[in-house]
C-alpha atoms as a PDB file:
ATOM      1  CA  MET A   1     -14.446 -34.142  -1.214  1.00  0.00           C
ATOM      2  CA  ALA A   2     -10.834 -33.378  -2.157  1.00  0.00           C
ATOM      3  CA  LEU A   3     -12.065 -31.416  -5.186  1.00  0.00           C
ATOM      4  CA  LYS A   4     -14.331 -29.272  -2.965  1.00  0.00           C
ATOM      5  CA  ALA A   5     -11.444 -28.584  -0.597  1.00  0.00           C
ATOM      6  CA  CYS A   6      -9.228 -27.554  -3.536  1.00  0.00           C
ATOM      7  CA  LEU A   7     -11.924 -25.227  -4.890  1.00  0.00           C
ATOM      8  CA  VAL A   8     -12.389 -23.595  -1.473  1.00  0.00           C
ATOM      9  CA  LEU A   9      -8.612 -23.148  -1.165  1.00  0.00           C
ATOM     10  CA  ILE A  10      -8.414 -21.550  -4.636  1.00  0.00           C
ATOM     11  CA  VAL A  11     -11.260 -19.138  -3.822  1.00  0.00           C
ATOM     12  CA  VAL A  12      -9.660 -18.148  -0.502  1.00  0.00           C
ATOM     13  CA  LEU A  13      -6.241 -17.609  -2.107  1.00  0.00           C
ATOM     14  CA  SER A  14      -7.775 -15.615  -4.974  1.00  0.00           C
ATOM     15  CA  ALA A  15      -9.638 -13.380  -2.552  1.00  0.00           C
ATOM     16  CA  GLY A  16      -6.436 -12.804  -0.615  1.00  0.00           C
ATOM     17  CA  LEU A  17      -4.512 -11.877  -3.749  1.00  0.00           C
ATOM     18  CA  SER A  18      -7.186  -9.482  -4.983  1.00  0.00           C
ATOM     19  CA  ALA A  19      -7.313  -7.802  -1.576  1.00  0.00           C
ATOM     20  CA  HIS A  20      -3.627  -6.914  -1.904  1.00  0.00           C
ATOM     21  CA  ALA A  21      -3.900  -5.620  -5.471  1.00  0.00           C
ATOM     22  CA  GLY A  22      -4.613  -2.030  -4.367  1.00  0.00           C
ATOM     23  CA  ASP A  23      -3.498   0.016  -1.374  1.00  0.00           C
ATOM     24  CA  PRO A  24      -3.221  -2.090   1.809  1.00  0.00           C
ATOM     25  CA  ASP A  25      -5.772  -1.433   4.546  1.00  0.00           C
ATOM     26  CA  ILE A  26      -4.424   0.406   7.562  1.00  0.00           C
ATOM     27  CA  THR A  27      -5.355  -0.345  11.173  1.00  0.00           C
ATOM     28  CA  SER A  28      -5.407   3.275  12.365  1.00  0.00           C
ATOM     29  CA  ASP A  29      -7.301   6.383  11.319  1.00  0.00           C
ATOM     30  CA  PHE A  30      -4.275   7.755   9.476  1.00  0.00           C
ATOM     31  CA  ILE A  31      -0.496   7.370   9.263  1.00  0.00           C
ATOM     32  CA  THR A  32       1.953  10.085  10.278  1.00  0.00           C
ATOM     33  CA  PRO A  33       5.665  10.080   9.465  1.00  0.00           C
ATOM     34  CA  PRO A  34       8.040   9.622  12.426  1.00  0.00           C
ATOM     35  CA  GLY A  35       8.464  12.809  14.431  1.00  0.00           C
ATOM     36  CA  VAL A  36       5.355  14.505  13.012  1.00  0.00           C
ATOM     37  CA  THR A  37       2.556  15.712  15.295  1.00  0.00           C
ATOM     38  CA  PRO A  38      -0.556  16.067  13.126  1.00  0.00           C
ATOM     39  CA  ASP A  39      -2.615  19.243  13.087  1.00  0.00           C
ATOM     40  CA  GLY A  40      -4.829  20.880  10.458  1.00  0.00           C
ATOM     41  CA  ASN A  41      -1.828  21.614   8.262  1.00  0.00           C
ATOM     42  CA  PHE A  42      -0.944  17.912   8.078  1.00  0.00           C
ATOM     43  CA  PHE A  43      -4.288  17.214   6.366  1.00  0.00           C
ATOM     44  CA  THR A  44      -4.007  20.222   4.003  1.00  0.00           C
ATOM     45  CA  PHE A  45      -2.286  20.361   0.608  1.00  0.00           C
ATOM     46  CA  ARG A  46      -1.898  23.682  -1.223  1.00  0.00           C
ATOM     47  CA  GLY A  47       0.351  22.564  -4.062  1.00  0.00           C
ATOM     48  CA  LEU A  48      -2.375  22.489  -6.730  1.00  0.00           C
ATOM     49  CA  ARG A  49      -3.394  26.169  -6.635  1.00  0.00           C
ATOM     50  CA  ASP A  50      -1.177  27.443  -9.439  1.00  0.00           C
ATOM     51  CA  ALA A  51      -2.091  24.564 -11.739  1.00  0.00           C
ATOM     52  CA  LEU A  52      -5.858  25.107 -11.786  1.00  0.00           C
ATOM     53  CA  THR A  53      -5.917  27.822 -14.463  1.00  0.00           C
ATOM     54  CA  GLY A  54      -4.049  28.331 -17.709  1.00  0.00           C
ATOM     55  CA  GLY A  55      -1.597  26.202 -19.581  1.00  0.00           C
ATOM     56  CA  PRO A  56       1.693  24.714 -18.475  1.00  0.00           C
ATOM     57  CA  LYS A  57       4.649  27.086 -18.313  1.00  0.00           C
ATOM     58  CA  GLY A  58       7.374  26.222 -20.829  1.00  0.00           C
ATOM     59  CA  VAL A  59       6.310  22.613 -21.451  1.00  0.00           C
ATOM     60  CA  PRO A  60       3.599  21.072 -23.670  1.00  0.00           C
ATOM     61  CA  PHE A  61       2.031  19.089 -20.810  1.00  0.00           C
ATOM     62  CA  LYS A  62       2.351  19.191 -17.033  1.00  0.00           C
ATOM     63  CA  ALA A  63       0.951  16.957 -14.283  1.00  0.00           C
ATOM     64  CA  THR A  64       0.956  18.483 -10.793  1.00  0.00           C
ATOM     65  CA  LYS A  65       0.466  15.608  -8.365  1.00  0.00           C
ATOM     66  CA  ALA A  66      -0.939  15.218  -4.879  1.00  0.00           C
ATOM     67  CA  THR A  67       0.078  11.629  -4.093  1.00  0.00           C
ATOM     68  CA  GLN A  68       1.512  10.271  -0.840  1.00  0.00           C
ATOM     69  CA  VAL A  69       4.956  11.499  -1.965  1.00  0.00           C
ATOM     70  CA  GLU A  70       3.863  15.144  -2.148  1.00  0.00           C
ATOM     71  CA  PHE A  71       1.117  14.874   0.498  1.00  0.00           C
ATOM     72  CA  PRO A  72       2.074  12.336   3.210  1.00  0.00           C
ATOM     73  CA  ALA A  73      -1.380  12.501   4.860  1.00  0.00           C
ATOM     74  CA  LEU A  74      -2.641  10.398   1.906  1.00  0.00           C
ATOM     75  CA  THR A  75      -0.568   7.377   2.969  1.00  0.00           C
ATOM     76  CA  GLY A  76      -2.992   4.492   3.489  1.00  0.00           C
ATOM     77  CA  GLN A  77      -6.034   6.522   2.373  1.00  0.00           C
ATOM     78  CA  SER A  78      -6.377   5.017  -1.149  1.00  0.00           C
ATOM     79  CA  VAL A  79      -6.925   8.414  -2.820  1.00  0.00           C
ATOM     80  CA  SER A  80      -4.849  10.962  -4.711  1.00  0.00           C
ATOM     81  CA  LEU A  81      -5.243  13.802  -7.210  1.00  0.00           C
ATOM     82  CA  SER A  82      -3.420  15.276 -10.164  1.00  0.00           C
ATOM     83  CA  VAL A  83      -4.018  18.511 -12.072  1.00  0.00           C
ATOM     84  CA  LEU A  84      -3.243  18.148 -15.779  1.00  0.00           C
ATOM     85  CA  GLN A  85      -2.389  21.185 -17.921  1.00  0.00           C
ATOM     86  CA  TYR A  86      -2.179  20.975 -21.719  1.00  0.00           C
ATOM     87  CA  GLU A  87      -0.901  23.641 -24.077  1.00  0.00           C
ATOM     88  CA  PRO A  88      -2.899  24.033 -27.330  1.00  0.00           C
ATOM     89  CA  SER A  89      -2.842  21.078 -29.733  1.00  0.00           C
ATOM     90  CA  PRO A  90      -1.091  19.379 -31.376  1.00  0.00           C
ATOM     91  CA  THR A  91       1.679  19.503 -28.743  1.00  0.00           C
ATOM     92  CA  GLY A  92      -0.516  19.518 -25.618  1.00  0.00           C
ATOM     93  CA  ILE A  93      -0.567  15.762 -25.151  1.00  0.00           C
ATOM     94  CA  ASN A  94      -0.359  13.273 -22.305  1.00  0.00           C
ATOM     95  CA  PRO A  95       1.059  10.317 -24.299  1.00  0.00           C
ATOM     96  CA  PRO A  96      -0.159   6.708 -24.029  1.00  0.00           C
ATOM     97  CA  HIS A  97       0.387   5.406 -20.506  1.00  0.00           C
ATOM     98  CA  ILE A  98      -1.084   3.217 -17.776  1.00  0.00           C
ATOM     99  CA  HIS A  99      -1.615   3.448 -14.024  1.00  0.00           C
ATOM    100  CA  PRO A 100      -0.806  -0.007 -12.643  1.00  0.00           C
ATOM    101  CA  ARG A 101      -2.414   0.486  -9.230  1.00  0.00           C
ATOM    102  CA  SER A 102      -5.556   2.538  -9.865  1.00  0.00           C
ATOM    103  CA  SER A 103      -8.367   3.607 -12.125  1.00  0.00           C
ATOM    104  CA  GLU A 104      -8.437   7.289 -13.078  1.00  0.00           C
ATOM    105  CA  LEU A 105     -11.483   9.568 -13.064  1.00  0.00           C
ATOM    106  CA  LEU A 106     -10.742  12.659 -15.172  1.00  0.00           C
ATOM    107  CA  LEU A 107     -12.800  15.863 -14.918  1.00  0.00           C
ATOM    108  CA  VAL A 108     -12.221  18.652 -17.457  1.00  0.00           C
ATOM    109  CA  ILE A 109     -12.365  22.077 -15.793  1.00  0.00           C
ATOM    110  CA  GLN A 110     -11.128  24.309 -18.615  1.00  0.00           C
ATOM    111  CA  GLY A 111     -11.142  23.931 -22.401  1.00  0.00           C
ATOM    112  CA  ALA A 112     -11.598  20.721 -24.371  1.00  0.00           C
ATOM    113  CA  VAL A 113      -9.741  17.423 -24.023  1.00  0.00           C
ATOM    114  CA  PHE A 114      -9.790  14.533 -26.498  1.00  0.00           C
ATOM    115  CA  VAL A 115      -9.297  11.222 -24.665  1.00  0.00           C
ATOM    116  CA  GLY A 116      -8.877   7.599 -25.647  1.00  0.00           C
ATOM    117  CA  LEU A 117      -8.418   4.228 -24.015  1.00  0.00           C
ATOM    118  CA  VAL A 118      -7.612   0.772 -25.359  1.00  0.00           C
ATOM    119  CA  ASP A 119      -9.147  -2.292 -23.706  1.00  0.00           C
ATOM    120  CA  SER A 120      -7.587  -5.748 -23.399  1.00  0.00           C
ATOM    121  CA  THR A 121      -9.043  -6.775 -26.787  1.00  0.00           C
ATOM    122  CA  ASN A 122      -7.283  -3.820 -28.496  1.00  0.00           C
ATOM    123  CA  LYS A 123     -10.536  -1.915 -28.991  1.00  0.00           C
ATOM    124  CA  LEU A 124     -10.093   1.873 -28.937  1.00  0.00           C
ATOM    125  CA  TYR A 125     -12.670   4.081 -27.191  1.00  0.00           C
ATOM    126  CA  THR A 126     -12.460   7.850 -27.733  1.00  0.00           C
ATOM    127  CA  GLN A 127     -14.396  10.907 -26.593  1.00  0.00           C
ATOM    128  CA  ARG A 128     -14.163  14.687 -26.810  1.00  0.00           C
ATOM    129  CA  LEU A 129     -14.719  16.250 -23.392  1.00  0.00           C
ATOM    130  CA  TYR A 130     -15.579  19.800 -22.381  1.00  0.00           C
ATOM    131  CA  ALA A 131     -15.520  21.645 -19.038  1.00  0.00           C
ATOM    132  CA  GLY A 132     -17.728  19.713 -16.621  1.00  0.00           C
ATOM    133  CA  ASP A 133     -17.395  16.372 -18.452  1.00  0.00           C
ATOM    134  CA  ALA A 134     -15.835  13.350 -16.725  1.00  0.00           C
ATOM    135  CA  PHE A 135     -14.302  10.156 -18.158  1.00  0.00           C
ATOM    136  CA  VAL A 136     -13.042   7.010 -16.424  1.00  0.00           C
ATOM    137  CA  PHE A 137      -9.894   5.105 -17.404  1.00  0.00           C
ATOM    138  CA  PRO A 138     -10.042   1.583 -15.907  1.00  0.00           C
ATOM    139  CA  LYS A 139      -7.017   0.408 -13.947  1.00  0.00           C
ATOM    140  CA  GLY A 140      -4.107  -0.856 -16.022  1.00  0.00           C
ATOM    141  CA  LEU A 141      -5.576   0.037 -19.443  1.00  0.00           C
ATOM    142  CA  VAL A 142      -3.610   2.096 -21.975  1.00  0.00           C
ATOM    143  CA  HIS A 143      -4.987   5.614 -22.356  1.00  0.00           C
ATOM    144  CA  PHE A 144      -4.054   9.109 -23.528  1.00  0.00           C
ATOM    145  CA  GLN A 145      -5.303  12.699 -23.509  1.00  0.00           C
ATOM    146  CA  VAL A 146      -4.817  15.523 -26.013  1.00  0.00           C
ATOM    147  CA  ASN A 147      -5.882  19.153 -25.870  1.00  0.00           C
ATOM    148  CA  GLY A 148      -8.809  19.354 -28.277  1.00  0.00           C
ATOM    149  CA  ASP A 149      -8.217  23.018 -29.149  1.00  0.00           C
ATOM    150  CA  SER A 150      -5.441  24.544 -31.254  1.00  0.00           C
ATOM    151  CA  LYS A 151      -5.740  28.022 -29.663  1.00  0.00           C
ATOM    152  CA  TYR A 152      -6.431  27.641 -25.951  1.00  0.00           C
ATOM    153  CA  ALA A 153      -4.916  25.712 -23.061  1.00  0.00           C
ATOM    154  CA  ALA A 154      -6.904  23.005 -21.284  1.00  0.00           C
ATOM    155  CA  VAL A 155      -6.946  21.913 -17.638  1.00  0.00           C
ATOM    156  CA  ALA A 156      -8.307  18.721 -16.079  1.00  0.00           C
ATOM    157  CA  VAL A 157      -8.282  17.156 -12.619  1.00  0.00           C
ATOM    158  CA  SER A 158      -7.745  13.418 -12.187  1.00  0.00           C
ATOM    159  CA  ALA A 159      -8.767  11.464  -9.105  1.00  0.00           C
ATOM    160  CA  PHE A 160      -7.219   8.074  -8.331  1.00  0.00           C
ATOM    161  CA  GLY A 161      -8.247   5.189  -6.063  1.00  0.00           C
ATOM    162  CA  SER A 162      -4.715   4.849  -4.723  1.00  0.00           C
ATOM    163  CA  SER A 163      -2.379   7.135  -2.818  1.00  0.00           C
ATOM    164  CA  SER A 164       0.352   5.949  -5.208  1.00  0.00           C
ATOM    165  CA  PRO A 165      -1.268   5.040  -8.560  1.00  0.00           C
ATOM    166  CA  GLY A 166       1.997   4.974 -10.515  1.00  0.00           C
ATOM    167  CA  THR A 167       2.413   6.068 -14.137  1.00  0.00           C
ATOM    168  CA  ILE A 168       4.125   4.100 -16.878  1.00  0.00           C
ATOM    169  CA  SER A 169       4.470   6.335 -19.948  1.00  0.00           C
ATOM    170  CA  PHE A 170       5.100   4.122 -22.960  1.00  0.00           C
ATOM    171  CA  PRO A 171       7.358   6.404 -25.037  1.00  0.00           C
ATOM    172  CA  LYS A 172       9.719   6.936 -22.065  1.00  0.00           C
ATOM    173  CA  ASN A 173       9.333   3.392 -20.774  1.00  0.00           C
ATOM    174  CA  ILE A 174      10.135   1.779 -24.119  1.00  0.00           C
ATOM    175  CA  PHE A 175      12.549   4.178 -25.814  1.00  0.00           C
ATOM    176  CA  GLY A 176      14.156   5.622 -22.683  1.00  0.00           C
ATOM    177  CA  SER A 177      14.724   2.324 -20.875  1.00  0.00           C
ATOM    178  CA  GLY A 178      17.995   1.130 -22.392  1.00  0.00           C
ATOM    179  CA  ILE A 179      16.481  -1.804 -24.279  1.00  0.00           C
ATOM    180  CA  TYR A 180      18.883  -2.672 -27.104  1.00  0.00           C
ATOM    181  CA  ASN A 181      18.144  -0.723 -30.301  1.00  0.00           C
ATOM    182  CA  TRP A 182      18.208  -3.884 -32.416  1.00  0.00           C
ATOM    183  CA  VAL A 183      15.595  -5.493 -30.143  1.00  0.00           C
ATOM    184  CA  LEU A 184      13.332  -2.449 -30.529  1.00  0.00           C
ATOM    185  CA  ALA A 185      13.951  -2.304 -34.296  1.00  0.00           C
ATOM    186  CA  GLN A 186      12.884  -5.924 -34.725  1.00  0.00           C
ATOM    187  CA  SER A 187       9.946  -5.540 -32.340  1.00  0.00           C
ATOM    188  CA  PHE A 188       8.581  -2.483 -34.160  1.00  0.00           C
ATOM    189  CA  LYS A 189       9.539  -3.814 -37.612  1.00  0.00           C
ATOM    190  CA  THR A 190      11.708  -0.819 -38.444  1.00  0.00           C
ATOM    191  CA  ASP A 191      15.411   0.015 -38.739  1.00  0.00           C
ATOM    192  CA  VAL A 192      17.965   0.848 -36.045  1.00  0.00           C
ATOM    193  CA  ASP A 193      18.400   4.459 -37.284  1.00  0.00           C
ATOM    194  CA  THR A 194      14.693   5.150 -36.694  1.00  0.00           C
ATOM    195  CA  ILE A 195      14.955   3.618 -33.219  1.00  0.00           C
ATOM    196  CA  ARG A 196      18.015   5.780 -32.439  1.00  0.00           C
ATOM    197  CA  LYS A 197      15.972   8.903 -33.242  1.00  0.00           C
ATOM    198  CA  LEU A 198      13.149   7.751 -30.974  1.00  0.00           C
ATOM    199  CA  VAL A 199      15.585   6.881 -28.174  1.00  0.00           C
ATOM    200  CA  SER A 200      17.242  10.302 -28.516  1.00  0.00           C
ATOM    201  CA  ALA A 201      13.864  12.090 -28.403  1.00  0.00           C
ATOM    202  CA  ASN A 202      12.829  10.216 -25.248  1.00  0.00           C
ATOM    203  CA  SER A 203      16.063  10.527 -23.312  1.00  0.00           C
ATOM    204  CA  LEU A 204      15.705  14.288 -22.722  1.00  0.00           C
END
């Protein structure tokens, strides 16, 4: 009897924890910031227009986001968008990263994008996508995207199941974090001079 009670308690606690893993449920239709009276403009975001065609201006890769930070009407709605622009390869790259709070559904709308993800067993899955193709990156898994063309820019739109999916970019997170160089050198089985170069490149 005690074992059954423990099992029930574990199941209930597990369900409660998993329910809080994503965006919390809200108890109203939508959330407005203090002092804001919602109208049609509150539910409209126009910040993605310039990103939908052509490559990024002056940078190899650019993500133009519509999360709850840029678009407050998304707060509590468990959705967000990002337009991704890549200059021609090899520099048009979105380096290995994760989204800790959401899966990502990527749709290529211009050009070709080479994508890859690594699962929890370290297996790599890759695909070359063209305009109209979609690819899903499961929540929390390492993934990357590269422009698959050396002449033309590429553009993709990513949809997320969170109004604040978060992005942890590994080059910046590891080499731009302030972790001691000797710790990184030992961890990556290299020398401190090599680590210094990587830290310098990721601190810009």
